[in-house]
Amino acid sequence: MDNQEYNSIVSFIWGIADDCLRDVYVRGKYRDVILPMTVIRRLDAMLEEKKAAVLEMKKQLDAAKIDNQWPALCNVAGQAFCNASPFLLKDLTSRGKTDA
């Protein structure tokens, strides 16, 4: 990625912050929201491909009344972490838009 493309992406993100976060957060505190949400979305995107398999495994483990589910769920996800929530971040954001 060249410097011009990088600066364009950064400007785009901060432009969204100005439009969406104005009057909700003090301008200097945007990074307290942007960085965590960027990391959360990235993790969510990494897990998205295996989400259905993780949820199916969770259903099976719940039916078998297995308490320590995380090792099996992470194995299915193919990561050292997993998300057993039925929601994806993009689903939650689209729900927020339709509720408003």
PDB file of N, CA and C in Angstrom:
ATOM      1  N   MET A   1       0.856  -1.168   0.000  1.00  0.00           N
ATOM      2  CA  MET A   1       0.000   0.000   0.000  1.00  0.00           C
ATOM      3  C   MET A   1       0.905   1.234   0.000  1.00  0.00           C
ATOM      4  N   ASP A   2       0.663   2.105  -0.945  1.00  0.00           N
ATOM      5  CA  ASP A   2       1.485   3.311  -0.991  1.00  0.00           C
ATOM      6  C   ASP A   2       0.952   4.362  -0.015  1.00  0.00           C
ATOM      7  N   ASN A   3       1.744   5.372   0.208  1.00  0.00           N
ATOM      8  CA  ASN A   3       1.424   6.391   1.211  1.00  0.00           C
ATOM      9  C   ASN A   3       0.146   7.154   0.870  1.00  0.00           C
ATOM     10  N   GLN A   4      -0.095   7.416  -0.409  1.00  0.00           N
ATOM     11  CA  GLN A   4      -1.291   8.150  -0.806  1.00  0.00           C
ATOM     12  C   GLN A   4      -2.559   7.327  -0.520  1.00  0.00           C
ATOM     13  N   GLU A   5      -2.501   6.040  -0.819  1.00  0.00           N
ATOM     14  CA  GLU A   5      -3.642   5.166  -0.554  1.00  0.00           C
ATOM     15  C   GLU A   5      -3.890   5.062   0.958  1.00  0.00           C
ATOM     16  N   TYR A   6      -2.814   4.917   1.714  1.00  0.00           N
ATOM     17  CA  TYR A   6      -2.908   4.856   3.174  1.00  0.00           C
ATOM     18  C   TYR A   6      -3.558   6.124   3.718  1.00  0.00           C
ATOM     19  N   ASN A   7      -3.086   7.292   3.280  1.00  0.00           N
ATOM     20  CA  ASN A   7      -3.646   8.567   3.750  1.00  0.00           C
ATOM     21  C   ASN A   7      -5.108   8.712   3.361  1.00  0.00           C
ATOM     22  N   SER A   8      -5.476   8.203   2.200  1.00  0.00           N
ATOM     23  CA  SER A   8      -6.871   8.251   1.769  1.00  0.00           C
ATOM     24  C   SER A   8      -7.757   7.420   2.699  1.00  0.00           C
ATOM     25  N   ILE A   9      -7.289   6.230   3.065  1.00  0.00           N
ATOM     26  CA  ILE A   9      -8.057   5.365   3.975  1.00  0.00           C
ATOM     27  C   ILE A   9      -8.171   6.011   5.357  1.00  0.00           C
ATOM     28  N   VAL A  10      -7.066   6.553   5.846  1.00  0.00           N
ATOM     29  CA  VAL A  10      -7.077   7.208   7.158  1.00  0.00           C
ATOM     30  C   VAL A  10      -8.046   8.392   7.151  1.00  0.00           C
ATOM     31  N   SER A  11      -8.009   9.191   6.101  1.00  0.00           N
ATOM     32  CA  SER A  11      -8.916  10.339   5.997  1.00  0.00           C
ATOM     33  C   SER A  11     -10.370   9.885   5.944  1.00  0.00           C
ATOM     34  N   PHE A  12     -10.620   8.796   5.233  1.00  0.00           N
ATOM     35  CA  PHE A  12     -11.979   8.253   5.148  1.00  0.00           C
ATOM     36  C   PHE A  12     -12.486   7.834   6.530  1.00  0.00           C
ATOM     37  N   ILE A  13     -11.653   7.115   7.279  1.00  0.00           N
ATOM     38  CA  ILE A  13     -12.057   6.656   8.616  1.00  0.00           C
ATOM     39  C   ILE A  13     -12.316   7.837   9.542  1.00  0.00           C
ATOM     40  N   TRP A  14     -11.411   8.813   9.556  1.00  0.00           N
ATOM     41  CA  TRP A  14     -11.599   9.965  10.433  1.00  0.00           C
ATOM     42  C   TRP A  14     -12.779  10.823   9.975  1.00  0.00           C
ATOM     43  N   GLY A  15     -13.067  10.830   8.677  1.00  0.00           N
ATOM     44  CA  GLY A  15     -14.249  11.545   8.183  1.00  0.00           C
ATOM     45  C   GLY A  15     -15.529  10.921   8.708  1.00  0.00           C
ATOM     46  N   ILE A  16     -15.565   9.590   8.731  1.00  0.00           N
ATOM     47  CA  ILE A  16     -16.721   8.897   9.306  1.00  0.00           C
ATOM     48  C   ILE A  16     -16.831   9.223  10.790  1.00  0.00           C
ATOM     49  N   ALA A  17     -15.701   9.246  11.469  1.00  0.00           N
ATOM     50  CA  ALA A  17     -15.706   9.586  12.897  1.00  0.00           C
ATOM     51  C   ALA A  17     -16.288  10.976  13.107  1.00  0.00           C
ATOM     52  N   ASP A  18     -15.887  11.923  12.276  1.00  0.00           N
ATOM     53  CA  ASP A  18     -16.421  13.279  12.411  1.00  0.00           C
ATOM     54  C   ASP A  18     -17.927  13.305  12.193  1.00  0.00           C
ATOM     55  N   ASP A  19     -18.406  12.542  11.195  1.00  0.00           N
ATOM     56  CA  ASP A  19     -19.838  12.535  10.882  1.00  0.00           C
ATOM     57  C   ASP A  19     -20.669  11.804  11.938  1.00  0.00           C
ATOM     58  N   CYS A  20     -20.157  10.668  12.416  1.00  0.00           N
ATOM     59  CA  CYS A  20     -20.952   9.797  13.294  1.00  0.00           C
ATOM     60  C   CYS A  20     -20.744  10.045  14.783  1.00  0.00           C
ATOM     61  N   LEU A  21     -19.566  10.506  15.156  1.00  0.00           N
ATOM     62  CA  LEU A  21     -19.251  10.619  16.577  1.00  0.00           C
ATOM     63  C   LEU A  21     -19.320  12.050  17.098  1.00  0.00           C
ATOM     64  N   ARG A  22     -19.518  13.009  16.202  1.00  0.00           N
ATOM     65  CA  ARG A  22     -19.606  14.398  16.633  1.00  0.00           C
ATOM     66  C   ARG A  22     -20.749  14.540  17.638  1.00  0.00           C
ATOM     67  N   ASP A  23     -20.510  15.256  18.681  1.00  0.00           N
ATOM     68  CA  ASP A  23     -21.463  15.514  19.767  1.00  0.00           C
ATOM     69  C   ASP A  23     -21.714  14.301  20.652  1.00  0.00           C
ATOM     70  N   VAL A  24     -21.131  13.147  20.312  1.00  0.00           N
ATOM     71  CA  VAL A  24     -21.233  11.971  21.174  1.00  0.00           C
ATOM     72  C   VAL A  24     -19.958  11.840  21.993  1.00  0.00           C
ATOM     73  N   TYR A  25     -18.823  12.091  21.350  1.00  0.00           N
ATOM     74  CA  TYR A  25     -17.511  12.027  21.996  1.00  0.00           C
ATOM     75  C   TYR A  25     -16.751  13.309  21.709  1.00  0.00           C
ATOM     76  N   VAL A  26     -15.902  13.687  22.629  1.00  0.00           N
ATOM     77  CA  VAL A  26     -15.005  14.804  22.398  1.00  0.00           C
ATOM     78  C   VAL A  26     -14.041  14.390  21.285  1.00  0.00           C
ATOM     79  N   ARG A  27     -13.735  15.287  20.358  1.00  0.00           N
ATOM     80  CA  ARG A  27     -12.927  14.954  19.187  1.00  0.00           C
ATOM     81  C   ARG A  27     -11.638  14.216  19.553  1.00  0.00           C
ATOM     82  N   GLY A  28     -10.964  14.593  20.597  1.00  0.00           N
ATOM     83  CA  GLY A  28      -9.726  13.942  20.996  1.00  0.00           C
ATOM     84  C   GLY A  28      -9.926  12.535  21.532  1.00  0.00           C
ATOM     85  N   LYS A  29     -11.151  12.155  21.815  1.00  0.00           N
ATOM     86  CA  LYS A  29     -11.450  10.822  22.350  1.00  0.00           C
ATOM     87  C   LYS A  29     -11.926   9.842  21.286  1.00  0.00           C
ATOM     88  N   TYR A  30     -11.980  10.270  20.016  1.00  0.00           N
ATOM     89  CA  TYR A  30     -12.405   9.372  18.941  1.00  0.00           C
ATOM     90  C   TYR A  30     -11.587   8.091  18.937  1.00  0.00           C
ATOM     91  N   ARG A  31     -10.278   8.223  19.140  1.00  0.00           N
ATOM     92  CA  ARG A  31      -9.417   7.042  19.082  1.00  0.00           C
ATOM     93  C   ARG A  31      -9.797   6.018  20.142  1.00  0.00           C
ATOM     94  N   ASP A  32     -10.448   6.453  21.221  1.00  0.00           N
ATOM     95  CA  ASP A  32     -10.888   5.511  22.246  1.00  0.00           C
ATOM     96  C   ASP A  32     -12.031   4.632  21.742  1.00  0.00           C
ATOM     97  N   VAL A  33     -12.682   5.063  20.674  1.00  0.00           N
ATOM     98  CA  VAL A  33     -13.772   4.299  20.068  1.00  0.00           C
ATOM     99  C   VAL A  33     -13.304   3.614  18.794  1.00  0.00           C
ATOM    100  N   ILE A  34     -12.611   4.355  17.938  1.00  0.00           N
ATOM    101  CA  ILE A  34     -12.220   3.843  16.625  1.00  0.00           C
ATOM    102  C   ILE A  34     -11.305   2.630  16.738  1.00  0.00           C
ATOM    103  N   LEU A  35     -10.263   2.704  17.523  1.00  0.00           N
ATOM    104  CA  LEU A  35      -9.313   1.598  17.610  1.00  0.00           C
ATOM    105  C   LEU A  35      -9.963   0.318  18.140  1.00  0.00           C
ATOM    106  N   PRO A  36     -10.673   0.358  19.261  1.00  0.00           N
ATOM    107  CA  PRO A  36     -11.302  -0.890  19.726  1.00  0.00           C
ATOM    108  C   PRO A  36     -12.309  -1.462  18.719  1.00  0.00           C
ATOM    109  N   MET A  37     -13.101  -0.609  18.088  1.00  0.00           N
ATOM    110  CA  MET A  37     -14.082  -1.110  17.129  1.00  0.00           C
ATOM    111  C   MET A  37     -13.401  -1.685  15.883  1.00  0.00           C
ATOM    112  N   THR A  38     -12.284  -1.103  15.476  1.00  0.00           N
ATOM    113  CA  THR A  38     -11.534  -1.632  14.343  1.00  0.00           C
ATOM    114  C   THR A  38     -10.980  -3.015  14.676  1.00  0.00           C
ATOM    115  N   VAL A  39     -10.447  -3.162  15.871  1.00  0.00           N
ATOM    116  CA  VAL A  39      -9.911  -4.468  16.297  1.00  0.00           C
ATOM    117  C   VAL A  39     -11.037  -5.487  16.409  1.00  0.00           C
ATOM    118  N   ILE A  40     -12.154  -5.095  17.003  1.00  0.00           N
ATOM    119  CA  ILE A  40     -13.286  -6.013  17.145  1.00  0.00           C
ATOM    120  C   ILE A  40     -13.791  -6.459  15.775  1.00  0.00           C
ATOM    121  N   ARG A  41     -13.904  -5.518  14.842  1.00  0.00           N
ATOM    122  CA  ARG A  41     -14.380  -5.880  13.499  1.00  0.00           C
ATOM    123  C   ARG A  41     -13.394  -6.808  12.799  1.00  0.00           C
ATOM    124  N   ARG A  42     -12.113  -6.560  12.974  1.00  0.00           N
ATOM    125  CA  ARG A  42     -11.101  -7.416  12.348  1.00  0.00           C
ATOM    126  C   ARG A  42     -11.186  -8.835  12.893  1.00  0.00           C
ATOM    127  N   LEU A  43     -11.309  -8.969  14.207  1.00  0.00           N
ATOM    128  CA  LEU A  43     -11.449 -10.300  14.809  1.00  0.00           C
ATOM    129  C   LEU A  43     -12.722 -10.974  14.315  1.00  0.00           C
ATOM    130  N   ASP A  44     -13.800 -10.218  14.238  1.00  0.00           N
ATOM    131  CA  ASP A  44     -15.078 -10.732  13.766  1.00  0.00           C
ATOM    132  C   ASP A  44     -14.960 -11.221  12.324  1.00  0.00           C
ATOM    133  N   ALA A  45     -14.247 -10.461  11.502  1.00  0.00           N
ATOM    134  CA  ALA A  45     -14.063 -10.850  10.097  1.00  0.00           C
ATOM    135  C   ALA A  45     -13.240 -12.128   9.981  1.00  0.00           C
ATOM    136  N   MET A  46     -12.253 -12.288  10.848  1.00  0.00           N
ATOM    137  CA  MET A  46     -11.434 -13.503  10.827  1.00  0.00           C
ATOM    138  C   MET A  46     -12.260 -14.739  11.177  1.00  0.00           C
ATOM    139  N   LEU A  47     -13.258 -14.579  12.021  1.00  0.00           N
ATOM    140  CA  LEU A  47     -14.065 -15.708  12.480  1.00  0.00           C
ATOM    141  C   LEU A  47     -15.305 -15.947  11.618  1.00  0.00           C
ATOM    142  N   GLU A  48     -15.624 -15.015  10.754  1.00  0.00           N
ATOM    143  CA  GLU A  48     -16.882 -15.049  10.009  1.00  0.00           C
ATOM    144  C   GLU A  48     -17.047 -16.306   9.146  1.00  0.00           C
ATOM    145  N   GLU A  49     -15.982 -16.734   8.509  1.00  0.00           N
ATOM    146  CA  GLU A  49     -16.048 -17.876   7.597  1.00  0.00           C
ATOM    147  C   GLU A  49     -16.477 -19.162   8.314  1.00  0.00           C
ATOM    148  N   LYS A  50     -16.059 -19.333   9.548  1.00  0.00           N
ATOM    149  CA  LYS A  50     -16.346 -20.565  10.303  1.00  0.00           C
ATOM    150  C   LYS A  50     -17.483 -20.386  11.306  1.00  0.00           C
ATOM    151  N   LYS A  51     -18.175 -19.263  11.242  1.00  0.00           N
ATOM    152  CA  LYS A  51     -19.210 -18.935  12.226  1.00  0.00           C
ATOM    153  C   LYS A  51     -20.296 -20.021  12.304  1.00  0.00           C
ATOM    154  N   ALA A  52     -20.793 -20.473  11.162  1.00  0.00           N
ATOM    155  CA  ALA A  52     -21.855 -21.483  11.152  1.00  0.00           C
ATOM    156  C   ALA A  52     -21.383 -22.785  11.802  1.00  0.00           C
ATOM    157  N   ALA A  53     -20.157 -23.191  11.512  1.00  0.00           N
ATOM    158  CA  ALA A  53     -19.619 -24.426  12.092  1.00  0.00           C
ATOM    159  C   ALA A  53     -19.449 -24.294  13.602  1.00  0.00           C
ATOM    160  N   VAL A  54     -19.005 -23.118  14.052  1.00  0.00           N
ATOM    161  CA  VAL A  54     -18.847 -22.878  15.496  1.00  0.00           C
ATOM    162  C   VAL A  54     -20.200 -22.931  16.191  1.00  0.00           C
ATOM    163  N   LEU A  55     -21.207 -22.305  15.598  1.00  0.00           N
ATOM    164  CA  LEU A  55     -22.539 -22.319  16.210  1.00  0.00           C
ATOM    165  C   LEU A  55     -23.137 -23.717  16.237  1.00  0.00           C
ATOM    166  N   GLU A  56     -22.893 -24.502  15.194  1.00  0.00           N
ATOM    167  CA  GLU A  56     -23.378 -25.887  15.164  1.00  0.00           C
ATOM    168  C   GLU A  56     -22.684 -26.716  16.251  1.00  0.00           C
ATOM    169  N   MET A  57     -21.372 -26.539  16.397  1.00  0.00           N
ATOM    170  CA  MET A  57     -20.631 -27.249  17.444  1.00  0.00           C
ATOM    171  C   MET A  57     -21.131 -26.830  18.825  1.00  0.00           C
ATOM    172  N   LYS A  58     -21.391 -25.546  18.993  1.00  0.00           N
ATOM    173  CA  LYS A  58     -21.905 -25.055  20.283  1.00  0.00           C
ATOM    174  C   LYS A  58     -23.238 -25.711  20.607  1.00  0.00           C
ATOM    175  N   LYS A  59     -24.097 -25.828  19.616  1.00  0.00           N
ATOM    176  CA  LYS A  59     -25.396 -26.463  19.820  1.00  0.00           C
ATOM    177  C   LYS A  59     -25.215 -27.919  20.261  1.00  0.00           C
ATOM    178  N   GLN A  60     -24.281 -28.625  19.617  1.00  0.00           N
ATOM    179  CA  GLN A  60     -24.014 -30.020  19.981  1.00  0.00           C
ATOM    180  C   GLN A  60     -23.435 -30.126  21.393  1.00  0.00           C
ATOM    181  N   LEU A  61     -22.520 -29.226  21.741  1.00  0.00           N
ATOM    182  CA  LEU A  61     -21.910 -29.258  23.076  1.00  0.00           C
ATOM    183  C   LEU A  61     -22.923 -28.895  24.153  1.00  0.00           C
ATOM    184  N   ASP A  62     -23.805 -27.939  23.846  1.00  0.00           N
ATOM    185  CA  ASP A  62     -24.873 -27.591  24.798  1.00  0.00           C
ATOM    186  C   ASP A  62     -25.798 -28.783  25.014  1.00  0.00           C
ATOM    187  N   ALA A  63     -26.145 -29.476  23.936  1.00  0.00           N
ATOM    188  CA  ALA A  63     -27.031 -30.644  24.033  1.00  0.00           C
ATOM    189  C   ALA A  63     -26.386 -31.758  24.862  1.00  0.00           C
ATOM    190  N   ALA A  64     -25.052 -31.870  24.756  1.00  0.00           N
ATOM    191  CA  ALA A  64     -24.325 -32.889  25.520  1.00  0.00           C
ATOM    192  C   ALA A  64     -23.990 -32.409  26.930  1.00  0.00           C
ATOM    193  N   LYS A  65     -24.399 -31.174  27.252  1.00  0.00           N
ATOM    194  CA  LYS A  65     -24.174 -30.569  28.569  1.00  0.00           C
ATOM    195  C   LYS A  65     -22.689 -30.506  28.936  1.00  0.00           C
ATOM    196  N   ILE A  66     -21.856 -30.153  27.958  1.00  0.00           N
ATOM    197  CA  ILE A  66     -20.418 -30.003  28.183  1.00  0.00           C
ATOM    198  C   ILE A  66     -20.150 -28.562  28.591  1.00  0.00           C
ATOM    199  N   ASP A  67     -19.482 -28.408  29.744  1.00  0.00           N
ATOM    200  CA  ASP A  67     -19.224 -27.070  30.276  1.00  0.00           C
ATOM    201  C   ASP A  67     -18.033 -26.380  29.625  1.00  0.00           C
ATOM    202  N   ASN A  68     -16.904 -27.050  29.518  1.00  0.00           N
ATOM    203  CA  ASN A  68     -15.695 -26.434  28.969  1.00  0.00           C
ATOM    204  C   ASN A  68     -15.711 -26.552  27.444  1.00  0.00           C
ATOM    205  N   GLN A  69     -16.403 -25.625  26.805  1.00  0.00           N
ATOM    206  CA  GLN A  69     -16.623 -25.685  25.367  1.00  0.00           C
ATOM    207  C   GLN A  69     -15.558 -24.963  24.548  1.00  0.00           C
ATOM    208  N   TRP A  70     -14.840 -24.029  25.158  1.00  0.00           N
ATOM    209  CA  TRP A  70     -13.937 -23.166  24.397  1.00  0.00           C
ATOM    210  C   TRP A  70     -12.875 -23.889  23.596  1.00  0.00           C
ATOM    211  N   PRO A  71     -12.208 -24.913  24.134  1.00  0.00           N
ATOM    212  CA  PRO A  71     -11.204 -25.595  23.305  1.00  0.00           C
ATOM    213  C   PRO A  71     -11.795 -26.178  22.015  1.00  0.00           C
ATOM    214  N   ALA A  72     -12.944 -26.801  22.125  1.00  0.00           N
ATOM    215  CA  ALA A  72     -13.575 -27.400  20.942  1.00  0.00           C
ATOM    216  C   ALA A  72     -14.044 -26.321  19.970  1.00  0.00           C
ATOM    217  N   LEU A  73     -14.603 -25.243  20.496  1.00  0.00           N
ATOM    218  CA  LEU A  73     -15.091 -24.162  19.633  1.00  0.00           C
ATOM    219  C   LEU A  73     -13.941 -23.454  18.921  1.00  0.00           C
ATOM    220  N   CYS A  74     -12.854 -23.218  19.639  1.00  0.00           N
ATOM    221  CA  CYS A  74     -11.681 -22.581  19.026  1.00  0.00           C
ATOM    222  C   CYS A  74     -11.069 -23.494  17.969  1.00  0.00           C
ATOM    223  N   ASN A  75     -11.096 -24.796  18.228  1.00  0.00           N
ATOM    224  CA  ASN A  75     -10.586 -25.751  17.248  1.00  0.00           C
ATOM    225  C   ASN A  75     -11.409 -25.692  15.957  1.00  0.00           C
ATOM    226  N   VAL A  76     -12.715 -25.637  16.087  1.00  0.00           N
ATOM    227  CA  VAL A  76     -13.589 -25.530  14.916  1.00  0.00           C
ATOM    228  C   VAL A  76     -13.338 -24.206  14.190  1.00  0.00           C
ATOM    229  N   ALA A  77     -13.136 -23.133  14.957  1.00  0.00           N
ATOM    230  CA  ALA A  77     -12.885 -21.815  14.360  1.00  0.00           C
ATOM    231  C   ALA A  77     -11.524 -21.763  13.678  1.00  0.00           C
ATOM    232  N   GLY A  78     -10.610 -22.645  14.092  1.00  0.00           N
ATOM    233  CA  GLY A  78      -9.270 -22.644  13.516  1.00  0.00           C
ATOM    234  C   GLY A  78      -8.413 -21.502  14.026  1.00  0.00           C
ATOM    235  N   GLN A  79      -8.772 -20.975  15.181  1.00  0.00           N
ATOM    236  CA  GLN A  79      -8.051 -19.846  15.787  1.00  0.00           C
ATOM    237  C   GLN A  79      -7.827 -20.155  17.268  1.00  0.00           C
ATOM    238  N   ALA A  80      -7.039 -19.319  17.909  1.00  0.00           N
ATOM    239  CA  ALA A  80      -6.815 -19.450  19.350  1.00  0.00           C
ATOM    240  C   ALA A  80      -7.940 -18.777  20.128  1.00  0.00           C
ATOM    241  N   PHE A  81      -8.922 -18.249  19.415  1.00  0.00           N
ATOM    242  CA  PHE A  81     -10.067 -17.574  20.019  1.00  0.00           C
ATOM    243  C   PHE A  81     -11.288 -17.889  19.161  1.00  0.00           C
ATOM    244  N   CYS A  82     -12.454 -17.663  19.719  1.00  0.00           N
ATOM    245  CA  CYS A  82     -13.678 -17.890  18.946  1.00  0.00           C
ATOM    246  C   CYS A  82     -14.785 -17.010  19.504  1.00  0.00           C
ATOM    247  N   ASN A  83     -15.891 -16.986  18.780  1.00  0.00           N
ATOM    248  CA  ASN A  83     -17.056 -16.217  19.197  1.00  0.00           C
ATOM    249  C   ASN A  83     -18.270 -17.119  19.048  1.00  0.00           C
ATOM    250  N   ALA A  84     -18.869 -17.466  20.169  1.00  0.00           N
ATOM    251  CA  ALA A  84     -20.027 -18.353  20.147  1.00  0.00           C
ATOM    252  C   ALA A  84     -21.338 -17.577  20.134  1.00  0.00           C
ATOM    253  N   SER A  85     -21.258 -16.271  20.036  1.00  0.00           N
ATOM    254  CA  SER A  85     -22.466 -15.450  19.946  1.00  0.00           C
ATOM    255  C   SER A  85     -23.125 -15.678  18.590  1.00  0.00           C
ATOM    256  N   PRO A  86     -24.442 -15.671  18.541  1.00  0.00           N
ATOM    257  CA  PRO A  86     -25.105 -15.841  17.239  1.00  0.00           C
ATOM    258  C   PRO A  86     -25.020 -14.596  16.355  1.00  0.00           C
ATOM    259  N   PHE A  87     -24.420 -13.534  16.855  1.00  0.00           N
ATOM    260  CA  PHE A  87     -24.374 -12.273  16.118  1.00  0.00           C
ATOM    261  C   PHE A  87     -23.020 -12.029  15.467  1.00  0.00           C
ATOM    262  N   LEU A  88     -23.036 -11.327  14.359  1.00  0.00           N
ATOM    263  CA  LEU A  88     -21.849 -10.768  13.731  1.00  0.00           C
ATOM    264  C   LEU A  88     -21.917  -9.258  13.917  1.00  0.00           C
ATOM    265  N   LEU A  89     -20.778  -8.618  13.964  1.00  0.00           N
ATOM    266  CA  LEU A  89     -20.766  -7.173  14.156  1.00  0.00           C
ATOM    267  C   LEU A  89     -21.543  -6.462  13.054  1.00  0.00           C
ATOM    268  N   LYS A  90     -21.398  -6.909  11.812  1.00  0.00           N
ATOM    269  CA  LYS A  90     -22.113  -6.248  10.718  1.00  0.00           C
ATOM    270  C   LYS A  90     -23.621  -6.434  10.852  1.00  0.00           C
ATOM    271  N   ASP A  91     -24.067  -7.567  11.434  1.00  0.00           N
ATOM    272  CA  ASP A  91     -25.503  -7.760  11.666  1.00  0.00           C
ATOM    273  C   ASP A  91     -26.016  -6.772  12.703  1.00  0.00           C
ATOM    274  N   LEU A  92     -25.237  -6.573  13.746  1.00  0.00           N
ATOM    275  CA  LEU A  92     -25.646  -5.656  14.807  1.00  0.00           C
ATOM    276  C   LEU A  92     -25.716  -4.221  14.302  1.00  0.00           C
ATOM    277  N   THR A  93     -24.769  -3.828  13.464  1.00  0.00           N
ATOM    278  CA  THR A  93     -24.795  -2.461  12.949  1.00  0.00           C
ATOM    279  C   THR A  93     -25.964  -2.263  12.002  1.00  0.00           C
ATOM    280  N   SER A  94     -26.301  -3.271  11.206  1.00  0.00           N
ATOM    281  CA  SER A  94     -27.446  -3.128  10.307  1.00  0.00           C
ATOM    282  C   SER A  94     -28.753  -3.125  11.090  1.00  0.00           C
ATOM    283  N   ARG A  95     -28.823  -3.848  12.199  1.00  0.00           N
ATOM    284  CA  ARG A  95     -30.011  -3.816  13.058  1.00  0.00           C
ATOM    285  C   ARG A  95     -30.183  -2.435  13.680  1.00  0.00           C
ATOM    286  N   GLY A  96     -29.071  -1.827  14.083  1.00  0.00           N
ATOM    287  CA  GLY A  96     -29.133  -0.485  14.659  1.00  0.00           C
ATOM    288  C   GLY A  96     -29.684   0.520  13.677  1.00  0.00           C
ATOM    289  N   LYS A  97     -29.338   0.382  12.409  1.00  0.00           N
ATOM    290  CA  LYS A  97     -29.823   1.313  11.378  1.00  0.00           C
ATOM    291  C   LYS A  97     -31.306   1.140  11.125  1.00  0.00           C
ATOM    292  N   THR A  98     -31.806  -0.116  11.177  1.00  0.00           N
ATOM    293  CA  THR A  98     -33.232  -0.345  10.915  1.00  0.00           C
ATOM    294  C   THR A  98     -34.076   0.012  12.118  1.00  0.00           C
ATOM    295  N   ASP A  99     -33.482  -0.066  13.328  1.00  0.00           N
ATOM    296  CA  ASP A  99     -34.222   0.287  14.542  1.00  0.00           C
ATOM    297  C   ASP A  99     -34.386   1.785  14.704  1.00  0.00           C
ATOM    298  N   ALA A 100     -33.463   2.548  14.125  1.00  0.00           N
ATOM    299  CA  ALA A 100     -33.459   4.004  14.313  1.00  0.00           C
ATOM    300  C   ALA A 100     -34.570   4.672  13.555  1.00  0.00           C
TER     301      ALA A 100
END
